[in-house]
Protein backbone atom coordinates (compact mmCIF):
# COMPACT_ATOMS: atom_id res chain seq x y z
CA MET A 1 -1.18 1.42 -0.14
CA PRO A 2 -0.79 1.35 -3.93
CA PHE A 3 -3.87 -0.84 -4.29
CA GLN A 4 -5.84 1.52 -2.07
CA MET A 5 -4.77 4.48 -4.20
CA GLY A 6 -5.65 2.67 -7.42
CA ILE A 7 -9.05 1.60 -6.16
CA THR A 8 -9.88 5.10 -4.89
CA ILE A 9 -8.91 6.76 -8.17
CA TYR A 10 -10.73 4.09 -10.18
CA LEU A 11 -13.96 4.51 -8.19
CA PHE A 12 -13.88 8.30 -8.66
CA HIS A 13 -13.27 7.71 -12.40
CA ILE A 14 -16.28 5.38 -12.61
CA PHE A 15 -18.42 7.94 -10.76
CA GLY A 16 -17.31 10.68 -13.19
CA THR A 17 -18.15 8.47 -16.17
CA TRP A 18 -21.59 7.82 -14.71
CA LEU A 19 -22.16 11.56 -14.20
CA ASP A 20 -21.11 12.28 -17.79
CA GLU A 21 -23.52 9.69 -19.13
CA LYS A 22 -26.41 10.75 -16.91
CA TYR A 23 -26.15 14.53 -17.41
CA SER A 24 -24.43 14.69 -20.84
CA PHE A 25 -21.60 17.00 -19.82
CA PRO A 26 -19.48 18.17 -22.76
CA ASP A 27 -15.99 16.70 -23.31
CA GLY A 28 -16.19 14.39 -20.27
CA VAL A 29 -15.68 17.25 -17.86
CA ALA A 30 -17.25 15.44 -14.89
CA ASN A 31 -14.99 12.45 -15.48
CA LYS A 32 -11.88 14.65 -15.52
CA ILE A 33 -12.90 16.55 -12.39
CA CYS A 34 -13.85 13.39 -10.48
CA THR A 35 -10.63 11.64 -11.47
CA LEU A 36 -8.52 14.57 -10.30
CA LEU A 37 -10.53 14.70 -7.10
CA GLY A 38 -9.87 10.97 -6.67
CA VAL A 39 -6.13 11.55 -7.04
CA GLY A 40 -6.31 14.24 -4.36
CA VAL A 41 -8.26 12.01 -1.98
CA ALA A 42 -5.86 9.11 -2.59
CA LEU A 43 -2.83 11.31 -1.88
CA TYR A 44 -4.48 12.60 1.28
CA GLN A 45 -5.06 9.03 2.45
CA VAL A 46 -1.44 8.06 1.78
CA ILE A 47 -0.05 11.12 3.58
CA LYS A 48 -2.33 10.44 6.54
CA GLN A 49 -1.20 6.80 6.73
CA VAL A 50 2.50 7.69 6.40
CA ASN A 51 2.22 10.25 9.19
CA LYS A 52 0.53 7.63 11.37
CA ILE A 53 3.33 5.13 10.66
CA ASN A 54 6.01 7.73 11.44
CA LYS A 55 4.46 8.51 14.82
CA ASN A 56 4.87 4.89 15.87
């Protein structure tokens, strides 16, 4: 699970960096938003997996 979280957050970070470079957003705002979104998605995935494990 920790590797999955790290990879998810990293991919969202890379996507945010790409958006910042492509559209020239000020202060890396796309990177910050995408990274926070990646953290949210990673936490959602972990909670979903933990609930699935607890049901079994």
